[in-house]
Protein backbone atom coordinates (compact mmCIF):
# COMPACT_ATOMS: atom_id res chain seq x y z
CA MET A 1 0.00 0.00 0.00
CA ILE A 2 2.78 2.43 0.85
CA CYS A 3 4.40 1.49 -2.45
CA ASP A 4 1.20 2.48 -4.24
CA MET A 5 1.28 5.84 -2.53
CA LEU A 6 4.90 6.39 -3.50
CA ASP A 7 3.96 5.47 -7.08
CA TYR A 8 1.38 8.25 -6.94
CA HIS A 9 4.08 10.71 -5.95
CA LYS A 10 6.25 9.48 -8.82
CA VAL A 11 3.67 11.11 -11.11
CA SER A 12 5.48 14.40 -10.49
CA ALA A 13 8.77 12.87 -11.62
CA TRP A 14 7.00 11.36 -14.64
CA TRP A 15 5.75 14.79 -15.66
CA MET A 16 9.28 16.19 -15.41
CA LEU A 17 10.49 13.39 -17.69
CA CYS A 18 7.82 14.38 -20.19
CA SER A 19 9.04 17.96 -20.09
CA SER A 20 12.63 16.88 -20.72
CA LYS A 21 11.59 14.85 -23.80
CA LEU A 22 12.89 11.60 -22.30
CA ILE A 23 9.47 10.14 -23.08
CA PRO A 24 6.81 11.40 -25.46
CA ARG A 25 4.72 14.26 -24.17
CA LEU A 26 0.97 14.10 -23.71
CA THR A 27 -0.95 17.03 -25.11
CA VAL A 28 -3.10 17.93 -22.13
CA HIS A 29 -4.04 21.19 -20.51
CA PRO A 30 -1.96 22.08 -17.40
CA SER A 31 -5.19 22.37 -15.38
CA ALA A 32 -5.75 18.64 -15.92
CA PHE A 33 -2.43 17.85 -14.30
CA LYS A 34 -3.31 20.21 -11.46
CA SER A 35 -6.54 18.28 -10.93
CA LEU A 36 -4.61 15.01 -11.03
CA MET A 37 -2.25 16.21 -8.31
CA GLN A 38 -5.21 17.34 -6.22
CA TYR A 39 -6.66 13.84 -6.49
CA VAL A 40 -3.37 12.14 -5.62
CA TYR A 41 -2.85 14.16 -2.46
CA THR A 42 -6.42 14.65 -1.24
CA ALA A 43 -8.61 11.97 -2.89
CA ARG A 44 -10.66 14.85 -4.30
CA LEU A 45 -10.69 16.19 -7.86
CA GLU A 46 -12.22 19.32 -9.33
CA THR A 47 -12.12 20.12 -13.03
CA HIS A 48 -14.07 21.93 -15.72
CA ILE A 49 -16.24 19.50 -17.61
CA ASP A 50 -14.16 20.15 -20.75
CA GLY A 51 -11.06 18.92 -18.93
CA VAL A 52 -12.40 15.49 -17.99
CA ASP A 53 -11.02 13.79 -21.12
CA ASP A 54 -7.53 15.11 -20.36
CA CYS A 55 -7.83 13.86 -16.77
CA ILE A 56 -8.82 10.41 -18.04
CA ARG A 57 -5.86 10.34 -20.43
CA LEU A 58 -3.52 11.25 -17.59
CA ALA A 59 -5.07 8.59 -15.36
CA VAL A 60 -4.39 5.96 -18.05
CA GLN A 61 -0.81 7.14 -18.65
CA CYS A 62 -0.04 7.31 -14.93
CA ARG A 63 -1.58 3.91 -14.28
CA LEU A 64 -4.35 5.13 -12.00
CA PRO A 65 -7.20 2.76 -12.95
CA LEU A 66 -9.34 3.79 -9.98
CA LEU A 67 -9.32 7.42 -11.10
CA LYS A 68 -10.16 6.44 -14.67
CA LYS A 69 -13.12 4.35 -13.52
CA GLU A 70 -14.39 7.00 -11.12
CA LEU A 71 -14.23 9.72 -13.78
CA GLU A 72 -16.04 7.57 -16.31
CA ASP A 73 -18.73 6.66 -13.77
CA MET A 74 -19.11 10.33 -12.82
CA MET A 75 -19.50 11.35 -16.46
CA LYS A 76 -22.26 8.76 -16.89
CA LYS A 77 -24.08 10.32 -13.94
CA VAL A 78 -23.61 13.81 -15.38
CA THR A 79 -25.00 12.70 -18.76
CA SER A 80 -27.98 11.02 -17.09
CA PHE A 81 -28.65 14.12 -14.96
CA GLU A 82 -28.58 16.43 -17.99
CA CYS A 83 -30.95 14.11 -19.89
CA MET A 84 -33.41 14.10 -17.00
CA LYS A 85 -33.38 17.90 -16.83
CA PRO A 86 -33.35 19.38 -20.34
CA GLY A 87 -31.64 22.73 -20.53
CA THR A 88 -29.34 21.93 -17.62
CA SER A 89 -25.63 22.00 -18.35
CA VAL A 90 -23.01 20.86 -15.82
CA LYS A 91 -19.90 23.04 -16.01
CA THR A 92 -17.76 21.71 -13.16
CA LEU A 93 -17.15 18.13 -12.08
CA THR A 94 -16.26 17.36 -8.47
CA LEU A 95 -15.10 13.87 -7.58
CA GLU A 96 -14.55 12.65 -4.02
CA SER A 97 -13.07 9.17 -3.86
CA THR A 98 -13.93 7.42 -0.60
CA GLU A 99 -11.89 4.39 -1.66
CA LEU A 100 -8.74 6.41 -2.29
CA ALA A 101 -9.31 8.47 0.86
CA ALA A 102 -9.29 5.28 2.94
CA GLU A 103 -6.13 4.07 1.21
CA LEU A 104 -4.42 7.43 1.70
CA GLN A 105 -5.23 7.43 5.39
CA GLN A 106 -3.74 3.96 5.77
CA ASP A 107 -0.68 4.89 3.74
CA LEU A 108 -0.13 8.08 5.70
CA GLY A 109 -0.54 6.00 8.83
CA VAL A 110 2.40 3.89 7.71
CA LEU A 111 4.43 7.05 7.11
CA GLY A 112 3.43 8.38 10.51
CA MET A 113 4.26 5.12 12.23
CA GLN A 114 7.61 4.85 10.49
CA ALA A 115 8.50 8.38 11.60
CA VAL A 116 8.28 7.12 15.18
CA PRO A 117 11.35 5.25 16.49
CA GLN A 118 10.85 1.48 16.50
CA GLU A 119 10.87 1.13 20.28
CA LEU A 120 8.13 3.77 20.66
CA ARG A 121 5.65 2.53 18.08
CA THR A 122 3.66 0.35 20.45
CA TRP A 123 3.17 3.41 22.68
CA VAL A 124 1.22 5.07 19.87
CA THR A 125 -1.24 2.41 18.74
CA GLY A 126 -0.70 -0.53 21.06
CA VAL A 127 0.08 -2.76 18.07
CA ASP A 128 3.39 -2.97 16.23
CA LEU A 129 3.57 -3.83 12.53
CA PRO A 130 6.53 -6.19 12.01
CA LEU A 131 6.07 -6.40 8.21
CA MET A 132 5.52 -2.68 7.73
CA PRO A 133 7.12 -1.31 4.51
CA VAL A 134 10.15 0.92 4.94
CA VAL A 135 10.31 4.41 3.46
CA PRO A 136 13.93 5.36 2.59
CA LEU A 137 15.26 8.09 4.84
CA TYR A 138 16.21 10.20 1.83
CA LEU A 139 12.51 10.92 1.43
CA THR A 140 12.47 12.66 4.83
CA ASP A 141 13.75 16.19 5.37
CA ILE A 142 13.37 16.87 9.09
CA CYS A 143 14.65 15.09 12.19
CA PHE A 144 13.10 15.83 15.58
CA ILE A 145 15.17 14.70 18.54
CA VAL A 146 13.31 14.11 21.82
CA LEU A 147 15.44 12.96 24.74
CA GLY A 148 17.79 11.21 22.35
CA TYR A 149 15.08 9.56 20.23
CA LYS A 150 15.09 10.55 16.55
CA PHE A 151 11.86 11.08 14.61
CA TYR A 152 12.51 11.26 10.83
CA CYS A 153 9.63 13.20 9.31
CA HIS A 154 8.48 15.42 6.43
CA LYS A 155 8.31 19.19 6.84
CA VAL A 156 5.28 19.54 4.59
CA PHE A 157 3.05 17.67 7.05
CA PHE A 158 4.18 19.64 10.09
CA CYS A 159 4.05 23.04 8.39
CA GLY A 160 0.64 22.30 6.91
CA ARG A 161 -0.96 20.99 10.11
CA SER A 162 0.47 23.29 12.78
CA GLU A 163 1.09 27.02 12.85
CA TYR A 164 3.62 26.39 15.60
CA PHE A 165 5.76 24.08 13.46
CA ASN A 166 5.22 26.27 10.41
CA ALA A 167 6.77 29.22 12.26
CA LEU A 168 9.48 27.05 13.79
CA LEU A 169 10.64 25.50 10.54
CA ARG A 170 10.23 28.54 8.30
CA ASP A 171 11.82 31.10 10.64
CA HIS A 172 14.72 28.83 11.68
CA PHE A 173 14.57 29.40 15.42
CA SER A 174 17.76 28.96 17.40
CA GLU A 175 16.98 25.31 18.24
CA THR A 176 17.18 24.25 14.56
CA THR A 177 20.41 23.28 12.80
CA ASP A 178 21.29 21.56 9.53
CA ASP A 179 22.78 18.08 9.45
CA ASP A 180 23.48 16.10 6.25
CA GLY A 181 20.86 18.06 4.35
CA ASN A 182 18.14 17.48 6.95
CA THR A 183 16.92 20.02 9.46
CA VAL A 184 17.47 18.81 13.02
CA VAL A 185 15.17 20.15 15.73
CA ILE A 186 15.78 19.50 19.41
CA VAL A 187 12.36 19.17 21.06
CA ARG A 188 12.17 20.16 24.73
CA ASN A 189 9.54 20.02 27.47
CA VAL A 190 7.62 17.14 25.86
CA SER A 191 7.77 13.43 26.67
CA VAL A 192 8.73 11.00 23.91
CA GLU A 193 5.36 9.23 24.27
CA ALA A 194 3.49 12.48 23.81
CA PHE A 195 5.56 13.51 20.80
CA ALA A 196 5.02 10.08 19.21
CA ALA A 197 1.27 10.61 19.49
CA VAL A 198 1.63 14.12 18.03
CA VAL A 199 3.57 12.77 15.04
CA TYR A 200 1.02 10.04 14.38
CA TYR A 201 -1.85 12.55 14.58
CA ILE A 202 -0.17 14.99 12.21
CA TYR A 203 0.17 12.31 9.55
CA THR A 204 -3.20 10.60 9.97
CA ASN A 205 -5.57 12.96 11.81
CA ILE A 206 -6.20 10.01 14.15
CA VAL A 207 -5.90 10.35 17.93
CA GLN A 208 -4.14 7.25 19.26
CA VAL A 209 -3.24 7.87 22.90
CA ARG A 210 -3.05 5.62 25.91
CA GLU A 211 -4.87 6.91 28.98
CA GLU A 212 -1.68 7.13 31.04
CA HIS A 213 -0.17 9.54 28.47
CA VAL A 214 -3.24 11.59 27.60
CA LEU A 215 -2.45 14.57 29.83
CA ASP A 216 1.06 14.87 28.38
CA VAL A 217 -0.37 14.68 24.85
CA LEU A 218 -3.00 17.29 25.72
CA TYR A 219 -0.28 19.66 26.92
CA ALA A 220 1.72 19.06 23.73
CA ALA A 221 -1.36 19.53 21.52
CA ASP A 222 -2.06 22.86 23.17
CA MET A 223 1.53 24.01 22.76
CA TYR A 224 1.75 22.90 19.12
CA LEU A 225 -1.61 24.48 18.20
CA LEU A 226 -3.37 21.25 17.25
CA PRO A 227 -7.01 21.81 18.25
CA GLY A 228 -8.20 18.51 16.79
CA LEU A 229 -5.74 16.56 18.92
CA LYS A 230 -6.82 18.59 21.95
CA ARG A 231 -10.45 17.67 21.37
CA GLY A 232 -9.48 14.04 20.88
CA CYS A 233 -7.65 14.02 24.21
CA GLY A 234 -10.70 15.62 25.81
CA THR A 235 -12.85 12.80 24.43
CA ILE A 236 -10.53 10.20 25.95
CA LEU A 237 -10.61 11.96 29.32
CA GLY A 238 -14.40 12.21 29.16
CA ASN A 239 -14.78 8.51 28.43
CA CYS A 240 -13.03 7.43 31.63
CA LEU A 241 -14.44 9.67 34.34
CA SER A 242 -14.64 8.44 37.92
CA ILE A 243 -15.57 9.73 41.35
CA LYS A 244 -11.88 10.28 42.09
CA ASN A 245 -10.82 12.09 38.92
CA VAL A 246 -13.86 14.06 37.75
CA VAL A 247 -13.04 17.28 39.62
CA SER A 248 -9.43 17.37 38.46
CA ARG A 249 -10.58 16.71 34.90
CA LEU A 250 -13.09 19.50 35.18
CA ARG A 251 -10.21 21.81 36.03
CA THR A 252 -8.25 20.40 33.08
CA ALA A 253 -11.20 21.07 30.77
CA ARG A 254 -11.29 24.68 31.84
CA LEU A 255 -7.54 25.13 31.62
CA PHE A 256 -7.35 23.83 28.06
CA GLN A 257 -10.71 25.28 26.98
CA LEU A 258 -12.49 21.99 26.28
CA PRO A 259 -16.20 22.83 26.68
CA GLN A 260 -17.42 19.34 25.80
CA LEU A 261 -15.24 17.75 28.48
CA GLU A 262 -16.34 20.41 30.98
CA ASP A 263 -19.97 19.61 30.24
CA GLN A 264 -19.32 15.87 30.62
CA CYS A 265 -17.68 16.46 34.00
CA THR A 266 -20.49 18.58 35.41
CA ARG A 267 -23.01 16.05 34.14
CA PHE A 268 -21.08 13.24 35.83
CA ILE A 269 -21.02 15.22 39.07
CA SER A 270 -24.78 15.77 38.84
CA LEU A 271 -25.33 12.03 38.50
CA HIS A 272 -23.12 11.20 41.49
CA ILE A 273 -23.54 14.29 43.64
CA ASP A 274 -24.34 12.23 46.73
CA GLU A 275 -20.89 10.60 46.47
CA ILE A 276 -18.90 13.64 45.34
CA VAL A 277 -20.46 16.19 47.69
CA HIS A 278 -17.72 15.65 50.31
CA ASP A 279 -14.85 15.99 47.82
CA GLU A 280 -12.51 18.77 48.98
CA GLY A 281 -11.52 19.45 45.40
CA LEU A 282 -15.13 20.22 44.54
CA HIS A 283 -15.38 22.53 47.53
CA ASP A 284 -12.26 24.42 46.41
CA LEU A 285 -13.62 24.74 42.87
CA ILE A 286 -16.95 26.09 44.12
CA MET A 287 -15.17 28.60 46.35
CA GLN A 288 -12.95 29.67 43.47
CA ASP A 289 -15.95 30.25 41.20
CA ALA A 290 -17.75 32.11 43.96
CA THR A 291 -14.75 34.35 44.57
CA GLU A 292 -14.62 35.33 40.92
CA VAL A 293 -18.20 36.63 40.98
CA LYS A 294 -18.37 37.80 44.57
CA GLY A 295 -16.83 41.14 43.68
CA ARG A 296 -19.93 41.98 41.68
CA GLN A 297 -22.81 40.66 43.79
CA GLU A 298 -22.80 38.20 46.65
CA THR A 299 -25.91 36.49 45.32
CA ASP A 300 -24.53 36.04 41.81
CA SER A 301 -24.73 32.56 40.41
CA ILE A 302 -21.75 30.23 40.71
CA PRO A 303 -20.88 28.72 37.32
CA VAL A 304 -20.08 25.18 38.45
CA ILE A 305 -23.21 25.07 40.64
CA ASP A 306 -25.35 26.39 37.80
CA ASP A 307 -24.04 23.70 35.47
CA ILE A 308 -24.63 20.91 37.98
CA ARG A 309 -28.15 22.12 38.72
CA TYR A 310 -28.89 22.31 35.01
CA HIS A 311 -27.93 18.68 34.46
CA ILE A 312 -29.91 17.56 37.49
CA THR A 313 -33.13 19.09 36.17
CA SER A 314 -32.70 18.93 32.38
CA ASP A 315 -33.78 15.31 31.84
CA VAL A 316 -36.57 15.07 34.40
CA GLN A 317 -39.68 13.49 32.88
CA THR A 318 -41.35 11.29 35.49
CA VAL A 319 -42.50 11.82 39.06
CA SER A 320 -39.77 9.56 40.43
CA GLU A 321 -37.12 11.46 38.47
CA MET A 322 -38.55 14.71 39.83
CA GLU A 323 -38.23 13.42 43.39
CA GLU A 324 -34.67 12.26 42.77
CA ALA A 325 -33.76 15.63 41.29
CA SER A 326 -35.29 17.39 44.28
CA GLU A 327 -33.14 15.34 46.67
CA LYS A 328 -30.00 16.15 44.70
CA LEU A 329 -30.83 19.87 44.70
CA LYS A 330 -31.21 19.69 48.49
CA ILE A 331 -27.74 18.17 48.74
CA ILE A 332 -26.34 21.11 46.77
CA ASP A 333 -28.20 23.62 48.94
CA MET A 334 -26.81 22.01 52.09
CA LEU A 335 -23.30 22.07 50.63
CA LEU A 336 -23.58 25.78 49.80
CA GLU A 337 -24.87 26.43 53.32
CA ASP A 338 -21.88 24.62 54.81
CA LEU A 339 -19.58 26.72 52.60
CA GLU A 340 -21.46 29.85 53.66
CA LEU A 341 -22.39 30.69 50.10
CA ASP A 342 -25.63 31.96 48.62
CA ALA A 343 -26.28 30.97 45.03
């Protein structure tokens, strides 16, 4: 599969050979080649309807049978559509290949996995791939070093996915040096496990993180400006809430601005308020929220209390649920009274 992907990228070299007259040229419009490159890299192709024939010719010459078939099938649909609606003329064809998209994701996953040092790969996905194809190191152009571990990667992925890395690699900060034609970047303040997860995410857009490393990855995602990875870490944290960790994870949600995780935490607290009511961490959080609004009015609402109350009452539908909600609200009122708060 990775070989197929590399064959796709050889299309660029093939076009250069055409230009140098080493092989006969194809007479096609440059926009067709642009559409072909878009398809190769994104599994999506846009072209003017007049350029479809050129795209098909390129697909045949570049040995891309899937593209040829998909274009021909799409043209049949366009012809059928125009026949059903006389007077309608389709000017632009847009093709999105779900089959190629799946293959690309798998191929990029191999690239991402291979960028991670061998001894760290199981920390990313939990499964090593002993027969995984090898991409020659001459195809990489950046080496990140984390606590002595070397990650051989491709600048284009990091610059395209992260504004942090884009600035780092384009502006040549002091921590970057050149070595044998590759840029070497010493990465600090991040664990090797967290950086391995970052690398895999950048290549695949997939969040693969073990629970014991999720906080480190969340910190790295925030620093490297990867909001999708942050949200993914928030999902992992939200899926393993407990009586013991829910308050600390609520604080984490606020610190890293993860509203979905914050909502999950307050909902969890509302469901288990009778068990969490004595948690000192919850008391401290309530007092902190109260202090932030107390300067305005002493009877102002307290955000965390408002959220818990909302979840207690939002799903009430039956009489028994109403009674249960009433008991939980009494527990909250008693807690606020013990904390000498009015909200």
